Amino acid sequence: MNKLLSCRYNMDTNRVEARFEDGTAVAIDCTAIEDEYGNTSTQRAELDWLLYNKSLEYAQLVLGGKIGHYLSLGCDHGRLEEQ
């Protein structure tokens, strides 16, 4: 996968728009991610927090297939601050 350069949450479309080093872009449908992985109110709150505060990390977790594992660890967005 190409290096992820930037992300931006678009509130109007409820998508995270990600741009890569090679100039390609992808839009992540946040409603679909929430429907798939937000099984509890705590998980949904964590997904929202990531969207608004750490959209780059959100995109990395989703695109890397690690969002489910991240949420299974107990929804503590402070963990991202420690890395």
Protein backbone atom coordinates (compact mmCIF):
# COMPACT_ATOMS: atom_id res chain seq x y z
CA MET A 1 0.00 0.00 0.00
CA ASN A 2 1.18 3.51 -0.75
CA LYS A 3 2.03 5.88 2.05
CA LEU A 4 -1.03 7.65 3.44
CA LEU A 5 -0.30 11.37 3.37
CA SER A 6 -3.44 13.07 4.62
CA CYS A 7 -7.02 12.54 5.71
CA ARG A 8 -9.98 14.77 6.20
CA TYR A 9 -13.38 13.95 7.64
CA ASN A 10 -16.13 15.35 5.41
CA MET A 11 -19.15 15.88 7.63
CA ASP A 12 -21.43 16.52 4.64
CA THR A 13 -20.83 13.07 3.15
CA ASN A 14 -19.87 11.25 6.39
CA ARG A 15 -16.71 10.00 4.75
CA VAL A 16 -13.01 10.16 5.54
CA GLU A 17 -11.19 11.29 2.41
CA ALA A 18 -7.67 9.89 2.30
CA ARG A 19 -4.87 10.86 -0.08
CA PHE A 20 -1.83 8.74 -0.81
CA GLU A 21 1.72 9.49 -1.85
CA ASP A 22 1.11 8.40 -5.45
CA GLY A 23 -1.79 10.86 -5.83
CA THR A 24 -4.61 8.35 -5.47
CA ALA A 25 -7.48 8.98 -3.10
CA VAL A 26 -10.09 6.90 -1.32
CA ALA A 27 -13.25 7.82 0.56
CA ILE A 28 -14.14 5.66 3.57
CA ASP A 29 -17.87 5.39 4.25
CA CYS A 30 -18.07 5.99 7.99
CA THR A 31 -21.69 4.82 8.23
CA ALA A 32 -20.68 1.42 6.85
CA ILE A 33 -17.75 1.20 9.29
CA GLU A 34 -20.01 2.09 12.21
CA ASP A 35 -22.62 -0.45 11.11
CA GLU A 36 -19.96 -3.16 10.84
CA TYR A 37 -17.87 -2.45 13.93
CA GLY A 38 -19.88 -0.20 16.26
CA ASN A 39 -21.70 -2.92 18.16
CA THR A 40 -21.93 -1.00 21.42
CA SER A 41 -22.48 2.64 22.32
CA THR A 42 -18.90 2.75 23.63
CA GLN A 43 -17.51 1.52 20.30
CA ARG A 44 -19.63 4.02 18.38
CA ALA A 45 -18.41 6.81 20.64
CA GLU A 46 -14.81 5.72 20.03
CA LEU A 47 -15.35 5.69 16.27
CA ASP A 48 -16.80 9.22 16.49
CA TRP A 49 -13.88 10.40 18.61
CA LEU A 50 -11.41 9.01 16.07
CA LEU A 51 -13.26 10.71 13.21
CA TYR A 52 -13.21 14.13 14.80
CA ASN A 53 -9.80 14.00 16.48
CA LYS A 54 -7.60 11.48 14.68
CA SER A 55 -8.94 11.00 11.15
CA LEU A 56 -5.52 9.87 9.88
CA GLU A 57 -5.33 7.13 12.51
CA TYR A 58 -8.96 6.19 11.78
CA ALA A 59 -8.11 5.73 8.12
CA GLN A 60 -4.96 3.75 8.92
CA LEU A 61 -6.90 1.40 11.20
CA VAL A 62 -9.70 0.89 8.67
CA LEU A 63 -7.46 0.49 5.62
CA GLY A 64 -5.08 -1.77 7.51
CA GLY A 65 -7.95 -4.01 8.63
CA LYS A 66 -7.23 -3.30 12.29
CA ILE A 67 -10.27 -1.28 13.36
CA GLY A 68 -12.06 -4.34 14.77
CA HIS A 69 -9.01 -5.34 16.79
CA TYR A 70 -8.56 -1.77 18.06
CA LEU A 71 -12.17 -1.62 19.24
CA SER A 72 -11.92 -5.05 20.86
CA LEU A 73 -9.13 -3.78 23.11
CA GLY A 74 -11.53 -1.68 25.13
CA CYS A 75 -11.99 1.67 23.39
CA ASP A 76 -9.42 3.88 25.00
CA HIS A 77 -8.48 6.61 22.54
CA GLY A 78 -5.71 7.64 24.87
CA ARG A 79 -3.74 4.64 23.57
CA LEU A 80 -3.25 6.51 20.30
CA GLU A 81 -1.63 9.36 22.20
CA GLU A 82 0.94 7.01 23.72
CA GLN A 83 2.19 5.56 20.43
